Amino acid sequence: MRALLRAAAALALLTVWLLPADRASAASYSVAMKGYAFSPASLSVPAGSTVTWTNYDTAPHDVKTTSGPLSIHSPMLDKGESWSFTFATAGSYGYVCTVHPDMTAGITVRAAAPAPATRSAAPAEHAHTAEPRTTSRPAHSSTAHSAPAMTMPSPTPTPTPTASEAAVPQAAQPLATTATASTVRPLDPLLLLAGLVAGVAVLCLLLVGSRTARAREEEA
């Protein structure tokens, strides 16, 4: 069990140190109370991050700030217990274990930079500049629509050949339907039954003929 706890603590420390800076706004950090020391002893996190302390020693430990903008004091943690706190106020925090004063550490909370406000103003300018372009286009669109209006009546004198051509496929339609109907017809069940009966009758006749031939041979 101790080996597993040590491995878990090592993985937690690696994840804390390997977290990229872009994910700092919604990150969670862990501090291990192990060997009568806080590891890592110093952290730099953005505002809004959550830090979790876990006790891996047999002796109890707690977390109490000695300096910083806020005073923090955790309950006493026994082996395997953990406690979390979310740092919303930027500043430098120093803390200690009241049971073991030699256990000291610190956390630096960075303030978030309000950068996205300037990015939202840029598309608004593009939206205003795009309005005069839309007003100048209706003149071209009206001329474009008026031109095909003069050419639309031209295909009207073509109904006479279509009437003569329409009569040809109408006469050919029943032939196609009859051809498809003849090809799709399934076998009649009566024919199947007649074939089966005929086959059984032939087999019976063959069996009777063979038996009579054997009987005659035995009599001879």
C-alpha atoms as a PDB file:
ATOM      1  CA  MET A   1       0.000   0.000   0.000  1.00  0.00           C
ATOM      2  CA  ARG A   2       2.839   2.411   0.770  1.00  0.00           C
ATOM      3  CA  ALA A   3       4.363   1.802  -2.646  1.00  0.00           C
ATOM      4  CA  LEU A   4       1.031   2.546  -4.311  1.00  0.00           C
ATOM      5  CA  LEU A   5       0.601   5.733  -2.290  1.00  0.00           C
ATOM      6  CA  ARG A   6       4.097   6.867  -3.213  1.00  0.00           C
ATOM      7  CA  ALA A   7       3.456   6.194  -6.895  1.00  0.00           C
ATOM      8  CA  ALA A   8       0.173   8.146  -6.719  1.00  0.00           C
ATOM      9  CA  ALA A   9       1.909  11.077  -5.053  1.00  0.00           C
ATOM     10  CA  ALA A  10       4.648  11.075  -7.698  1.00  0.00           C
ATOM     11  CA  LEU A  11       2.085  11.070 -10.501  1.00  0.00           C
ATOM     12  CA  ALA A  12       0.188  13.908  -8.858  1.00  0.00           C
ATOM     13  CA  LEU A  13       3.358  15.977  -8.608  1.00  0.00           C
ATOM     14  CA  LEU A  14       4.222  15.301 -12.246  1.00  0.00           C
ATOM     15  CA  THR A  15       0.781  16.392 -13.415  1.00  0.00           C
ATOM     16  CA  VAL A  16       1.093  19.612 -11.402  1.00  0.00           C
ATOM     17  CA  TRP A  17       4.458  20.545 -12.908  1.00  0.00           C
ATOM     18  CA  LEU A  18       3.623  19.449 -16.471  1.00  0.00           C
ATOM     19  CA  LEU A  19       0.371  21.401 -16.780  1.00  0.00           C
ATOM     20  CA  PRO A  20       0.661  24.004 -19.595  1.00  0.00           C
ATOM     21  CA  ALA A  21       0.182  27.683 -18.913  1.00  0.00           C
ATOM     22  CA  ASP A  22      -2.850  27.942 -21.249  1.00  0.00           C
ATOM     23  CA  ARG A  23      -4.897  25.652 -19.030  1.00  0.00           C
ATOM     24  CA  ALA A  24      -4.113  27.559 -15.867  1.00  0.00           C
ATOM     25  CA  SER A  25      -7.515  29.262 -15.719  1.00  0.00           C
ATOM     26  CA  ALA A  26      -9.457  26.065 -15.018  1.00  0.00           C
ATOM     27  CA  ALA A  27      -6.726  23.875 -13.482  1.00  0.00           C
ATOM     28  CA  SER A  28      -6.576  21.982 -10.214  1.00  0.00           C
ATOM     29  CA  TYR A  29      -3.338  21.395  -8.315  1.00  0.00           C
ATOM     30  CA  SER A  30      -2.370  18.909  -5.628  1.00  0.00           C
ATOM     31  CA  VAL A  31       0.107  19.130  -2.769  1.00  0.00           C
ATOM     32  CA  ALA A  32       1.329  16.012  -0.972  1.00  0.00           C
ATOM     33  CA  MET A  33       2.021  15.938   2.773  1.00  0.00           C
ATOM     34  CA  LYS A  34       4.728  13.337   2.748  1.00  0.00           C
ATOM     35  CA  GLY A  35       7.861  12.829   4.788  1.00  0.00           C
ATOM     36  CA  TYR A  36       6.858  15.701   7.096  1.00  0.00           C
ATOM     37  CA  ALA A  37       7.090  18.179   4.222  1.00  0.00           C
ATOM     38  CA  PHE A  38       4.856  19.804   1.623  1.00  0.00           C
ATOM     39  CA  SER A  39       5.682  18.811  -1.922  1.00  0.00           C
ATOM     40  CA  PRO A  40       5.846  20.892  -3.964  1.00  0.00           C
ATOM     41  CA  ALA A  41       6.949  23.525  -1.477  1.00  0.00           C
ATOM     42  CA  SER A  42       6.070  26.380  -3.848  1.00  0.00           C
ATOM     43  CA  LEU A  43       3.286  26.770  -6.405  1.00  0.00           C
ATOM     44  CA  SER A  44       2.320  29.470  -8.907  1.00  0.00           C
ATOM     45  CA  VAL A  45      -1.346  29.219  -9.922  1.00  0.00           C
ATOM     46  CA  PRO A  46      -3.837  31.586 -11.589  1.00  0.00           C
ATOM     47  CA  ALA A  47      -6.795  33.013  -9.742  1.00  0.00           C
ATOM     48  CA  GLY A  48      -9.710  30.572  -9.581  1.00  0.00           C
ATOM     49  CA  SER A  49      -7.523  27.470  -9.286  1.00  0.00           C
ATOM     50  CA  THR A  50      -8.209  24.761  -6.710  1.00  0.00           C
ATOM     51  CA  VAL A  51      -5.407  23.286  -4.601  1.00  0.00           C
ATOM     52  CA  THR A  52      -5.876  19.928  -2.829  1.00  0.00           C
ATOM     53  CA  TRP A  53      -3.681  18.787   0.059  1.00  0.00           C
ATOM     54  CA  THR A  54      -3.422  15.034   0.777  1.00  0.00           C
ATOM     55  CA  ASN A  55      -1.758  13.515   3.835  1.00  0.00           C
ATOM     56  CA  TYR A  56       0.411  10.465   3.136  1.00  0.00           C
ATOM     57  CA  ASP A  57       2.105  10.350   6.559  1.00  0.00           C
ATOM     58  CA  THR A  58       0.925   8.430   9.604  1.00  0.00           C
ATOM     59  CA  ALA A  59       1.047  11.635  11.658  1.00  0.00           C
ATOM     60  CA  PRO A  60      -1.753  14.208  11.295  1.00  0.00           C
ATOM     61  CA  HIS A  61      -1.159  17.454   9.384  1.00  0.00           C
ATOM     62  CA  ASP A  62      -3.077  20.646   8.658  1.00  0.00           C
ATOM     63  CA  VAL A  63      -2.716  23.796   6.549  1.00  0.00           C
ATOM     64  CA  LYS A  64      -2.690  27.294   8.084  1.00  0.00           C
ATOM     65  CA  THR A  65      -1.625  30.491   6.335  1.00  0.00           C
ATOM     66  CA  THR A  66       1.017  32.663   7.973  1.00  0.00           C
ATOM     67  CA  SER A  67       0.853  35.437   5.366  1.00  0.00           C
ATOM     68  CA  GLY A  68      -1.307  36.489   2.457  1.00  0.00           C
ATOM     69  CA  PRO A  69      -4.462  38.443   1.610  1.00  0.00           C
ATOM     70  CA  LEU A  70      -6.697  35.766   3.184  1.00  0.00           C
ATOM     71  CA  SER A  71      -6.394  33.579   6.272  1.00  0.00           C
ATOM     72  CA  ILE A  72      -6.845  29.867   5.627  1.00  0.00           C
ATOM     73  CA  HIS A  73      -6.955  27.064   8.179  1.00  0.00           C
ATOM     74  CA  SER A  74      -7.823  23.503   7.216  1.00  0.00           C
ATOM     75  CA  PRO A  75      -9.084  20.775   9.545  1.00  0.00           C
ATOM     76  CA  MET A  76      -6.654  18.223  10.888  1.00  0.00           C
ATOM     77  CA  LEU A  77      -5.998  15.607   8.213  1.00  0.00           C
ATOM     78  CA  ASP A  78      -5.182  12.006   9.102  1.00  0.00           C
ATOM     79  CA  LYS A  79      -3.453   9.558   6.791  1.00  0.00           C
ATOM     80  CA  GLY A  80      -5.255   9.273   3.442  1.00  0.00           C
ATOM     81  CA  GLU A  81      -7.461  12.332   4.008  1.00  0.00           C
ATOM     82  CA  SER A  82      -7.448  15.408   1.745  1.00  0.00           C
ATOM     83  CA  TRP A  83      -8.694  18.997   1.807  1.00  0.00           C
ATOM     84  CA  SER A  84      -9.206  21.485  -1.056  1.00  0.00           C
ATOM     85  CA  PHE A  85      -9.366  25.272  -1.308  1.00  0.00           C
ATOM     86  CA  THR A  86     -10.077  27.546  -4.296  1.00  0.00           C
ATOM     87  CA  PHE A  87      -7.925  30.685  -4.476  1.00  0.00           C
ATOM     88  CA  ALA A  88     -10.041  33.521  -5.871  1.00  0.00           C
ATOM     89  CA  THR A  89      -7.891  36.403  -4.568  1.00  0.00           C
ATOM     90  CA  ALA A  90      -4.498  37.046  -6.128  1.00  0.00           C
ATOM     91  CA  GLY A  91      -1.475  37.395  -3.901  1.00  0.00           C
ATOM     92  CA  SER A  92       1.339  35.494  -2.156  1.00  0.00           C
ATOM     93  CA  TYR A  93       0.336  32.972   0.503  1.00  0.00           C
ATOM     94  CA  GLY A  94       2.633  31.346   3.040  1.00  0.00           C
ATOM     95  CA  TYR A  95       1.369  28.426   5.113  1.00  0.00           C
ATOM     96  CA  VAL A  96       2.591  25.964   7.719  1.00  0.00           C
ATOM     97  CA  CYS A  97       1.522  22.816   9.556  1.00  0.00           C
ATOM     98  CA  THR A  98       0.606  23.767  13.125  1.00  0.00           C
ATOM     99  CA  VAL A  99       1.530  20.311  14.430  1.00  0.00           C
ATOM    100  CA  HIS A 100       4.955  20.357  12.719  1.00  0.00           C
ATOM    101  CA  PRO A 101       6.179  23.988  12.372  1.00  0.00           C
ATOM    102  CA  ASP A 102       9.112  22.844  10.221  1.00  0.00           C
ATOM    103  CA  MET A 103       6.658  22.062   7.426  1.00  0.00           C
ATOM    104  CA  THR A 104       6.415  25.349   5.502  1.00  0.00           C
ATOM    105  CA  ALA A 105       5.407  26.143   1.918  1.00  0.00           C
ATOM    106  CA  GLY A 106       4.038  28.957  -0.236  1.00  0.00           C
ATOM    107  CA  ILE A 107       1.566  29.584  -3.066  1.00  0.00           C
ATOM    108  CA  THR A 108       1.558  32.518  -5.496  1.00  0.00           C
ATOM    109  CA  VAL A 109      -1.846  33.294  -7.030  1.00  0.00           C
ATOM    110  CA  ARG A 110      -1.683  35.258 -10.292  1.00  0.00           C
ATOM    111  CA  ALA A 111      -4.430  37.639 -11.397  1.00  0.00           C
ATOM    112  CA  ALA A 112      -6.214  36.808 -14.658  1.00  0.00           C
ATOM    113  CA  ALA A 113      -5.614  39.266 -17.528  1.00  0.00           C
ATOM    114  CA  PRO A 114      -8.811  40.712 -19.147  1.00  0.00           C
ATOM    115  CA  ALA A 115      -7.682  40.148 -22.766  1.00  0.00           C
ATOM    116  CA  PRO A 116     -10.889  38.861 -24.479  1.00  0.00           C
ATOM    117  CA  ALA A 117     -12.656  42.263 -24.154  1.00  0.00           C
ATOM    118  CA  THR A 118     -10.563  43.804 -26.958  1.00  0.00           C
ATOM    119  CA  ARG A 119     -11.147  40.874 -29.303  1.00  0.00           C
ATOM    120  CA  SER A 120     -14.937  41.199 -29.187  1.00  0.00           C
ATOM    121  CA  ALA A 121     -14.790  44.827 -30.448  1.00  0.00           C
ATOM    122  CA  ALA A 122     -13.046  43.869 -33.731  1.00  0.00           C
ATOM    123  CA  PRO A 123     -15.950  41.995 -35.384  1.00  0.00           C
ATOM    124  CA  ALA A 124     -18.296  44.893 -34.594  1.00  0.00           C
ATOM    125  CA  GLU A 125     -16.253  47.178 -36.872  1.00  0.00           C
ATOM    126  CA  HIS A 126     -16.383  44.659 -39.697  1.00  0.00           C
ATOM    127  CA  ALA A 127     -20.135  44.436 -39.317  1.00  0.00           C
ATOM    128  CA  HIS A 128     -20.510  48.239 -39.795  1.00  0.00           C
ATOM    129  CA  THR A 129     -18.237  48.284 -42.821  1.00  0.00           C
ATOM    130  CA  ALA A 130     -20.173  45.502 -44.503  1.00  0.00           C
ATOM    131  CA  GLU A 131     -23.482  47.439 -44.471  1.00  0.00           C
ATOM    132  CA  PRO A 132     -22.752  49.950 -47.294  1.00  0.00           C
ATOM    133  CA  ARG A 133     -21.662  47.102 -49.553  1.00  0.00           C
ATOM    134  CA  THR A 134     -25.069  45.438 -49.345  1.00  0.00           C
ATOM    135  CA  THR A 135     -26.898  48.689 -50.258  1.00  0.00           C
ATOM    136  CA  SER A 136     -24.980  49.115 -53.532  1.00  0.00           C
ATOM    137  CA  ARG A 137     -25.799  45.632 -54.849  1.00  0.00           C
ATOM    138  CA  PRO A 138     -29.605  45.867 -55.349  1.00  0.00           C
ATOM    139  CA  ALA A 139     -29.135  48.041 -58.461  1.00  0.00           C
ATOM    140  CA  HIS A 140     -27.138  45.292 -60.196  1.00  0.00           C
ATOM    141  CA  SER A 141     -29.489  42.585 -58.998  1.00  0.00           C
ATOM    142  CA  SER A 142     -32.559  44.402 -60.352  1.00  0.00           C
ATOM    143  CA  THR A 143     -31.024  44.650 -63.828  1.00  0.00           C
ATOM    144  CA  ALA A 144     -29.948  41.046 -63.704  1.00  0.00           C
ATOM    145  CA  HIS A 145     -33.497  39.920 -62.898  1.00  0.00           C
ATOM    146  CA  SER A 146     -35.111  42.168 -65.507  1.00  0.00           C
ATOM    147  CA  ALA A 147     -33.016  40.732 -68.366  1.00  0.00           C
ATOM    148  CA  PRO A 148     -34.197  37.097 -68.082  1.00  0.00           C
ATOM    149  CA  ALA A 149     -37.799  38.332 -67.820  1.00  0.00           C
ATOM    150  CA  MET A 150     -37.662  39.246 -71.557  1.00  0.00           C
ATOM    151  CA  THR A 151     -36.282  35.838 -72.564  1.00  0.00           C
ATOM    152  CA  MET A 152     -38.764  33.694 -70.588  1.00  0.00           C
ATOM    153  CA  PRO A 153     -41.690  33.779 -73.098  1.00  0.00           C
ATOM    154  CA  SER A 154     -39.484  32.257 -75.861  1.00  0.00           C
ATOM    155  CA  PRO A 155     -40.003  28.537 -74.992  1.00  0.00           C
ATOM    156  CA  THR A 156     -43.827  28.870 -75.179  1.00  0.00           C
ATOM    157  CA  PRO A 157     -44.291  27.836 -78.896  1.00  0.00           C
ATOM    158  CA  THR A 158     -42.971  24.305 -78.260  1.00  0.00           C
ATOM    159  CA  PRO A 159     -46.088  22.403 -77.010  1.00  0.00           C
ATOM    160  CA  THR A 160     -47.035  20.920 -80.461  1.00  0.00           C
ATOM    161  CA  PRO A 161     -44.158  18.425 -80.836  1.00  0.00           C
ATOM    162  CA  THR A 162     -44.468  17.311 -77.249  1.00  0.00           C
ATOM    163  CA  ALA A 163     -48.094  16.281 -77.754  1.00  0.00           C
ATOM    164  CA  SER A 164     -47.191  13.994 -80.661  1.00  0.00           C
ATOM    165  CA  GLU A 165     -44.227  12.550 -78.815  1.00  0.00           C
ATOM    166  CA  ALA A 166     -46.280  11.928 -75.679  1.00  0.00           C
ATOM    167  CA  ALA A 167     -48.499   9.461 -77.548  1.00  0.00           C
ATOM    168  CA  VAL A 168     -45.589   7.136 -78.295  1.00  0.00           C
ATOM    169  CA  PRO A 169     -44.568   6.322 -74.713  1.00  0.00           C
ATOM    170  CA  GLN A 170     -48.221   5.878 -73.719  1.00  0.00           C
ATOM    171  CA  ALA A 171     -48.591   3.043 -76.229  1.00  0.00           C
ATOM    172  CA  ALA A 172     -45.334   1.511 -75.166  1.00  0.00           C
ATOM    173  CA  GLN A 173     -46.155   1.548 -71.448  1.00  0.00           C
ATOM    174  CA  PRO A 174     -48.502  -1.520 -71.413  1.00  0.00           C
ATOM    175  CA  LEU A 175     -45.855  -3.563 -73.264  1.00  0.00           C
ATOM    176  CA  ALA A 176     -43.276  -2.738 -70.635  1.00  0.00           C
ATOM    177  CA  THR A 177     -45.671  -3.586 -67.826  1.00  0.00           C
ATOM    178  CA  THR A 178     -46.611  -6.904 -69.390  1.00  0.00           C
ATOM    179  CA  ALA A 179     -42.975  -7.771 -69.951  1.00  0.00           C
ATOM    180  CA  THR A 180     -42.077  -7.034 -66.377  1.00  0.00           C
ATOM    181  CA  ALA A 181     -45.145  -8.840 -65.097  1.00  0.00           C
ATOM    182  CA  SER A 182     -44.230 -11.931 -67.073  1.00  0.00           C
ATOM    183  CA  THR A 183     -40.706 -11.949 -65.761  1.00  0.00           C
ATOM    184  CA  VAL A 184     -41.711 -11.410 -62.143  1.00  0.00           C
ATOM    185  CA  ARG A 185     -44.412 -14.119 -61.983  1.00  0.00           C
ATOM    186  CA  PRO A 186     -43.650 -16.670 -59.297  1.00  0.00           C
ATOM    187  CA  LEU A 187     -44.147 -20.406 -59.671  1.00  0.00           C
ATOM    188  CA  ASP A 188     -47.667 -21.639 -58.940  1.00  0.00           C
ATOM    189  CA  PRO A 189     -47.903 -23.754 -55.798  1.00  0.00           C
ATOM    190  CA  LEU A 190     -50.206 -26.196 -57.591  1.00  0.00           C
ATOM    191  CA  LEU A 191     -47.541 -26.954 -60.157  1.00  0.00           C
ATOM    192  CA  LEU A 192     -45.025 -27.586 -57.386  1.00  0.00           C
ATOM    193  CA  LEU A 193     -47.421 -29.969 -55.628  1.00  0.00           C
ATOM    194  CA  ALA A 194     -48.139 -31.776 -58.898  1.00  0.00           C
ATOM    195  CA  GLY A 195     -44.442 -32.248 -59.545  1.00  0.00           C
ATOM    196  CA  LEU A 196     -43.861 -33.592 -56.039  1.00  0.00           C
ATOM    197  CA  VAL A 197     -46.779 -36.023 -56.337  1.00  0.00           C
ATOM    198  CA  ALA A 198     -45.534 -37.240 -59.703  1.00  0.00           C
ATOM    199  CA  GLY A 199     -42.045 -37.785 -58.333  1.00  0.00           C
ATOM    200  CA  VAL A 200     -43.384 -39.746 -55.339  1.00  0.00           C
ATOM    201  CA  ALA A 201     -45.536 -41.866 -57.639  1.00  0.00           C
ATOM    202  CA  VAL A 202     -42.562 -42.698 -59.848  1.00  0.00           C
ATOM    203  CA  LEU A 203     -40.522 -43.705 -56.814  1.00  0.00           C
ATOM    204  CA  CYS A 204     -43.337 -45.929 -55.567  1.00  0.00           C
ATOM    205  CA  LEU A 205     -43.634 -47.610 -58.951  1.00  0.00           C
ATOM    206  CA  LEU A 206     -39.913 -48.251 -59.045  1.00  0.00           C
ATOM    207  CA  LEU A 207     -39.970 -49.752 -55.554  1.00  0.00           C
ATOM    208  CA  VAL A 208     -42.947 -52.001 -56.399  1.00  0.00           C
ATOM    209  CA  GLY A 209     -41.315 -53.127 -59.660  1.00  0.00           C
ATOM    210  CA  SER A 210     -38.066 -53.995 -57.918  1.00  0.00           C
ATOM    211  CA  ARG A 211     -39.893 -55.987 -55.224  1.00  0.00           C
ATOM    212  CA  THR A 212     -41.932 -57.948 -57.755  1.00  0.00           C
ATOM    213  CA  ALA A 213     -38.801 -58.731 -59.733  1.00  0.00           C
ATOM    214  CA  ARG A 214     -37.090 -60.056 -56.597  1.00  0.00           C
ATOM    215  CA  ALA A 215     -40.149 -62.148 -55.730  1.00  0.00           C
ATOM    216  CA  ARG A 216     -40.185 -63.719 -59.186  1.00  0.00           C
ATOM    217  CA  GLU A 217     -36.495 -64.485 -58.985  1.00  0.00           C
ATOM    218  CA  GLU A 218     -36.988 -66.192 -55.608  1.00  0.00           C
ATOM    219  CA  GLU A 219     -39.893 -68.253 -56.969  1.00  0.00           C
ATOM    220  CA  ALA A 220     -37.855 -69.326 -59.987  1.00  0.00           C
END
